[in-house]
Amino acid sequence: MQLVVGRIGRPHGVRGEVTVEVLTDDPELRFAAGTSIATDPAGIGPLVVEGRRWHKGILLVSFAGIAGRDAAEELRGTMLVIDSADVEPSGDPDEFHDHQLIGLAVRTVSGEAVGEVVDVLHHGQDLLVVSRNGAEDALIPFVKELVPEVDLDGGRLVVDPPEGLL
């Protein structure tokens, strides 16, 4: 499974640098000089990081072979991706990567089947998007009080939703 670690934005300057929306916890590793990064769409990449720097809180990246503003503009909107197998597991038992949660079966604490996690949204608070077999998707805040158990090996998570959430 591919994980998005960045999205290329607008060109910066005239030498081919681009802004990158950082979607990873470790931009220093993911965008280190010499790193080859796969792309979505795949036909654009892989791209090799030639250099990177921070400018007013925005990551600017130059890629090998991308010289000039026009070439940089052609990269706009391209997603930078890595293989999920390349992600080190967290040592924190309560920390999960999105790809670990997507696909888990969701049950209530009483054992009632709810559906399946189909996405994880990050809008100030992490939200699990749960497909409910024909019903409208449910958005469940990913907090310990509402999601007391995540069993990756068993392929499921348990929710304790307040009245009206589902």
C-alpha atoms as a PDB file:
ATOM      1  CA  MET A   1       0.000   0.000   0.000  1.00  0.00           C
ATOM      2  CA  GLN A   2       1.240   3.461  -0.830  1.00  0.00           C
ATOM      3  CA  LEU A   3       1.306   6.274   1.708  1.00  0.00           C
ATOM      4  CA  VAL A   4       1.301   9.917   0.676  1.00  0.00           C
ATOM      5  CA  VAL A   5       4.141  11.846   2.333  1.00  0.00           C
ATOM      6  CA  GLY A   6       3.761  15.092   0.420  1.00  0.00           C
ATOM      7  CA  ARG A   7       1.979  16.962  -2.327  1.00  0.00           C
ATOM      8  CA  ILE A   8       3.805  19.223  -4.736  1.00  0.00           C
ATOM      9  CA  GLY A   9       2.452  22.751  -4.846  1.00  0.00           C
ATOM     10  CA  ARG A  10       3.381  25.818  -6.823  1.00  0.00           C
ATOM     11  CA  PRO A  11       6.846  26.588  -8.170  1.00  0.00           C
ATOM     12  CA  HIS A  12       9.068  28.843  -6.070  1.00  0.00           C
ATOM     13  CA  GLY A  13      11.376  31.116  -7.989  1.00  0.00           C
ATOM     14  CA  VAL A  14      12.738  30.412 -11.465  1.00  0.00           C
ATOM     15  CA  ARG A  15      15.233  27.594 -10.807  1.00  0.00           C
ATOM     16  CA  GLY A  16      12.782  24.701 -10.516  1.00  0.00           C
ATOM     17  CA  GLU A  17      12.112  24.596  -6.768  1.00  0.00           C
ATOM     18  CA  VAL A  18       8.605  23.639  -5.706  1.00  0.00           C
ATOM     19  CA  THR A  19       6.642  24.018  -2.505  1.00  0.00           C
ATOM     20  CA  VAL A  20       5.707  20.730  -0.854  1.00  0.00           C
ATOM     21  CA  GLU A  21       2.763  20.247   1.467  1.00  0.00           C
ATOM     22  CA  VAL A  22       4.304  17.955   4.089  1.00  0.00           C
ATOM     23  CA  LEU A  23       2.120  14.956   4.972  1.00  0.00           C
ATOM     24  CA  THR A  24       4.639  13.008   7.032  1.00  0.00           C
ATOM     25  CA  ASP A  25       5.939  13.160  10.580  1.00  0.00           C
ATOM     26  CA  ASP A  26       9.537  12.931   9.375  1.00  0.00           C
ATOM     27  CA  PRO A  27      10.157  15.371   6.499  1.00  0.00           C
ATOM     28  CA  GLU A  28      13.906  15.459   7.192  1.00  0.00           C
ATOM     29  CA  LEU A  29      14.132  11.715   6.393  1.00  0.00           C
ATOM     30  CA  ARG A  30      11.550  11.553   3.587  1.00  0.00           C
ATOM     31  CA  PHE A  31      12.944  14.571   1.712  1.00  0.00           C
ATOM     32  CA  ALA A  32      16.670  14.097   2.353  1.00  0.00           C
ATOM     33  CA  ALA A  33      18.984  14.934  -0.548  1.00  0.00           C
ATOM     34  CA  GLY A  34      19.501  11.887  -2.760  1.00  0.00           C
ATOM     35  CA  THR A  35      16.202  10.249  -1.779  1.00  0.00           C
ATOM     36  CA  SER A  36      14.166   8.771  -4.628  1.00  0.00           C
ATOM     37  CA  ILE A  37      10.431   9.269  -4.129  1.00  0.00           C
ATOM     38  CA  ALA A  38       7.679   7.525  -6.083  1.00  0.00           C
ATOM     39  CA  THR A  39       4.815   9.634  -7.428  1.00  0.00           C
ATOM     40  CA  ASP A  40       1.117   9.452  -8.053  1.00  0.00           C
ATOM     41  CA  PRO A  41       0.575   9.578 -10.984  1.00  0.00           C
ATOM     42  CA  ALA A  42       3.403   7.082 -11.359  1.00  0.00           C
ATOM     43  CA  GLY A  43       4.451   8.262 -14.828  1.00  0.00           C
ATOM     44  CA  ILE A  44       5.871  11.504 -13.424  1.00  0.00           C
ATOM     45  CA  GLY A  45       8.375   9.818 -11.119  1.00  0.00           C
ATOM     46  CA  PRO A  46      10.272   8.640  -9.425  1.00  0.00           C
ATOM     47  CA  LEU A  47      11.740  11.985  -8.458  1.00  0.00           C
ATOM     48  CA  VAL A  48      15.137  12.327  -6.798  1.00  0.00           C
ATOM     49  CA  VAL A  49      15.517  15.039  -4.175  1.00  0.00           C
ATOM     50  CA  GLU A  50      18.407  17.277  -5.109  1.00  0.00           C
ATOM     51  CA  GLY A  51      17.995  19.727  -2.252  1.00  0.00           C
ATOM     52  CA  ARG A  52      15.519  20.997   0.284  1.00  0.00           C
ATOM     53  CA  ARG A  53      15.161  23.974   2.568  1.00  0.00           C
ATOM     54  CA  TRP A  54      12.557  25.622   4.737  1.00  0.00           C
ATOM     55  CA  HIS A  55      11.342  29.107   3.820  1.00  0.00           C
ATOM     56  CA  LYS A  56       8.858  30.841   6.130  1.00  0.00           C
ATOM     57  CA  GLY A  57       7.579  27.487   7.396  1.00  0.00           C
ATOM     58  CA  ILE A  58       7.148  26.023   3.905  1.00  0.00           C
ATOM     59  CA  LEU A  59       9.269  23.156   2.587  1.00  0.00           C
ATOM     60  CA  LEU A  60      10.945  23.973  -0.728  1.00  0.00           C
ATOM     61  CA  VAL A  61      12.353  21.040  -2.688  1.00  0.00           C
ATOM     62  CA  SER A  62      14.419  20.830  -5.846  1.00  0.00           C
ATOM     63  CA  PHE A  63      14.354  17.590  -7.833  1.00  0.00           C
ATOM     64  CA  ALA A  64      17.056  16.286 -10.173  1.00  0.00           C
ATOM     65  CA  GLY A  65      16.254  17.075 -13.801  1.00  0.00           C
ATOM     66  CA  ILE A  66      13.649  19.730 -12.971  1.00  0.00           C
ATOM     67  CA  ALA A  67      15.163  23.022 -14.074  1.00  0.00           C
ATOM     68  CA  GLY A  68      13.118  26.135 -14.475  1.00  0.00           C
ATOM     69  CA  ARG A  69       9.711  27.349 -13.476  1.00  0.00           C
ATOM     70  CA  ASP A  70       7.847  25.687 -16.376  1.00  0.00           C
ATOM     71  CA  ALA A  71       9.160  22.214 -15.522  1.00  0.00           C
ATOM     72  CA  ALA A  72       8.339  22.796 -11.856  1.00  0.00           C
ATOM     73  CA  GLU A  73       4.791  23.918 -12.764  1.00  0.00           C
ATOM     74  CA  GLU A  74       4.200  20.578 -14.520  1.00  0.00           C
ATOM     75  CA  LEU A  75       4.716  18.812 -11.178  1.00  0.00           C
ATOM     76  CA  ARG A  76       1.975  20.795  -9.396  1.00  0.00           C
ATOM     77  CA  GLY A  77      -0.545  18.519  -7.678  1.00  0.00           C
ATOM     78  CA  THR A  78       1.673  15.430  -7.887  1.00  0.00           C
ATOM     79  CA  MET A  79       1.524  13.258  -4.777  1.00  0.00           C
ATOM     80  CA  LEU A  80       4.804  11.974  -3.333  1.00  0.00           C
ATOM     81  CA  VAL A  81       4.372   8.417  -2.048  1.00  0.00           C
ATOM     82  CA  ILE A  82       6.257   5.691  -0.227  1.00  0.00           C
ATOM     83  CA  ASP A  83       5.516   2.013   0.330  1.00  0.00           C
ATOM     84  CA  SER A  84       3.850   1.397   3.704  1.00  0.00           C
ATOM     85  CA  ALA A  85       6.391  -1.393   4.316  1.00  0.00           C
ATOM     86  CA  ASP A  86       9.067   1.337   4.529  1.00  0.00           C
ATOM     87  CA  VAL A  87       7.408   2.899   7.591  1.00  0.00           C
ATOM     88  CA  GLU A  88       8.884   1.952  10.939  1.00  0.00           C
ATOM     89  CA  PRO A  89       6.277   0.753  13.431  1.00  0.00           C
ATOM     90  CA  SER A  90       5.763   3.108  16.341  1.00  0.00           C
ATOM     91  CA  GLY A  91       6.941   2.056  19.780  1.00  0.00           C
ATOM     92  CA  ASP A  92       3.813   3.648  21.283  1.00  0.00           C
ATOM     93  CA  PRO A  93       1.006   1.064  21.611  1.00  0.00           C
ATOM     94  CA  ASP A  94      -1.595   3.842  21.225  1.00  0.00           C
ATOM     95  CA  GLU A  95      -0.136   5.313  18.021  1.00  0.00           C
ATOM     96  CA  PHE A  96      -1.174   4.009  14.623  1.00  0.00           C
ATOM     97  CA  HIS A  97      -0.546   4.867  10.994  1.00  0.00           C
ATOM     98  CA  ASP A  98      -3.586   5.411   8.784  1.00  0.00           C
ATOM     99  CA  HIS A  99      -2.785   2.374   6.628  1.00  0.00           C
ATOM    100  CA  GLN A 100      -2.928   0.143   9.725  1.00  0.00           C
ATOM    101  CA  LEU A 101      -6.469   1.274  10.554  1.00  0.00           C
ATOM    102  CA  ILE A 102      -7.996   1.224   7.072  1.00  0.00           C
ATOM    103  CA  GLY A 103      -9.718  -2.099   6.483  1.00  0.00           C
ATOM    104  CA  LEU A 104     -10.281  -2.956  10.151  1.00  0.00           C
ATOM    105  CA  ALA A 105     -13.705  -4.330  11.048  1.00  0.00           C
ATOM    106  CA  VAL A 106     -15.571  -2.145  13.535  1.00  0.00           C
ATOM    107  CA  ARG A 107     -17.684  -3.588  16.372  1.00  0.00           C
ATOM    108  CA  THR A 108     -19.330  -2.008  19.378  1.00  0.00           C
ATOM    109  CA  VAL A 109     -18.336  -3.000  22.921  1.00  0.00           C
ATOM    110  CA  SER A 110     -21.486  -5.184  22.980  1.00  0.00           C
ATOM    111  CA  GLY A 111     -20.266  -7.050  19.861  1.00  0.00           C
ATOM    112  CA  GLU A 112     -22.598  -5.480  17.273  1.00  0.00           C
ATOM    113  CA  ALA A 113     -21.045  -5.188  13.800  1.00  0.00           C
ATOM    114  CA  VAL A 114     -20.800  -1.544  12.699  1.00  0.00           C
ATOM    115  CA  GLY A 115     -18.814  -1.684   9.456  1.00  0.00           C
ATOM    116  CA  GLU A 116     -15.271  -1.144   8.249  1.00  0.00           C
ATOM    117  CA  VAL A 117     -12.754   1.703   8.516  1.00  0.00           C
ATOM    118  CA  VAL A 118     -12.385   3.120   4.991  1.00  0.00           C
ATOM    119  CA  ASP A 119     -10.431   6.308   5.717  1.00  0.00           C
ATOM    120  CA  VAL A 120      -8.851   8.426   8.436  1.00  0.00           C
ATOM    121  CA  LEU A 121      -9.360  12.194   8.344  1.00  0.00           C
ATOM    122  CA  HIS A 122      -7.095  14.672  10.110  1.00  0.00           C
ATOM    123  CA  HIS A 123      -9.071  17.836  10.840  1.00  0.00           C
ATOM    124  CA  GLY A 124      -7.780  19.064  14.177  1.00  0.00           C
ATOM    125  CA  GLN A 125      -8.959  15.754  15.598  1.00  0.00           C
ATOM    126  CA  ASP A 126      -8.461  12.388  13.930  1.00  0.00           C
ATOM    127  CA  LEU A 127     -11.710  10.911  12.622  1.00  0.00           C
ATOM    128  CA  LEU A 128     -12.297   7.334  11.510  1.00  0.00           C
ATOM    129  CA  VAL A 129     -14.564   7.092   8.458  1.00  0.00           C
ATOM    130  CA  VAL A 130     -16.566   3.901   8.901  1.00  0.00           C
ATOM    131  CA  SER A 131     -18.507   2.412   5.991  1.00  0.00           C
ATOM    132  CA  ARG A 132     -21.770   1.028   7.380  1.00  0.00           C
ATOM    133  CA  ASN A 133     -22.973  -1.435   4.713  1.00  0.00           C
ATOM    134  CA  GLY A 134     -25.422   0.691   2.774  1.00  0.00           C
ATOM    135  CA  ALA A 135     -26.065   3.246   5.514  1.00  0.00           C
ATOM    136  CA  GLU A 136     -24.396   6.659   5.562  1.00  0.00           C
ATOM    137  CA  ASP A 137     -20.728   6.546   6.592  1.00  0.00           C
ATOM    138  CA  ALA A 138     -20.085   7.280  10.253  1.00  0.00           C
ATOM    139  CA  LEU A 139     -17.379   9.665  11.470  1.00  0.00           C
ATOM    140  CA  ILE A 140     -15.990   8.465  14.787  1.00  0.00           C
ATOM    141  CA  PRO A 141     -13.464  10.587  16.704  1.00  0.00           C
ATOM    142  CA  PHE A 142     -10.346   8.466  17.180  1.00  0.00           C
ATOM    143  CA  VAL A 143      -9.958   8.938  20.931  1.00  0.00           C
ATOM    144  CA  LYS A 144      -9.466   6.298  23.637  1.00  0.00           C
ATOM    145  CA  GLU A 145     -12.878   6.992  25.225  1.00  0.00           C
ATOM    146  CA  LEU A 146     -14.717   6.153  21.984  1.00  0.00           C
ATOM    147  CA  VAL A 147     -12.261   3.598  20.575  1.00  0.00           C
ATOM    148  CA  PRO A 148     -11.091   1.624  23.614  1.00  0.00           C
ATOM    149  CA  GLU A 149      -9.542  -1.254  21.663  1.00  0.00           C
ATOM    150  CA  VAL A 150      -7.548  -1.564  18.447  1.00  0.00           C
ATOM    151  CA  ASP A 151      -6.581  -5.142  17.573  1.00  0.00           C
ATOM    152  CA  LEU A 152      -4.362  -4.996  14.483  1.00  0.00           C
ATOM    153  CA  ASP A 153      -3.573  -8.717  14.596  1.00  0.00           C
ATOM    154  CA  GLY A 154      -7.279  -9.566  14.883  1.00  0.00           C
ATOM    155  CA  GLY A 155      -8.208  -7.068  12.143  1.00  0.00           C
ATOM    156  CA  ARG A 156     -10.754  -5.178  14.237  1.00  0.00           C
ATOM    157  CA  LEU A 157     -11.362  -2.256  16.507  1.00  0.00           C
ATOM    158  CA  VAL A 158     -13.978  -1.761  19.173  1.00  0.00           C
ATOM    159  CA  VAL A 159     -16.001   1.426  19.538  1.00  0.00           C
ATOM    160  CA  ASP A 160     -18.042   2.661  22.491  1.00  0.00           C
ATOM    161  CA  PRO A 161     -20.165   5.320  20.775  1.00  0.00           C
ATOM    162  CA  PRO A 162     -22.320   7.747  22.710  1.00  0.00           C
ATOM    163  CA  GLU A 163     -26.066   7.714  22.008  1.00  0.00           C
ATOM    164  CA  GLY A 164     -26.831   9.063  18.547  1.00  0.00           C
ATOM    165  CA  LEU A 165     -23.323   8.803  17.046  1.00  0.00           C
ATOM    166  CA  LEU A 166     -24.219   5.805  14.911  1.00  0.00           C
END
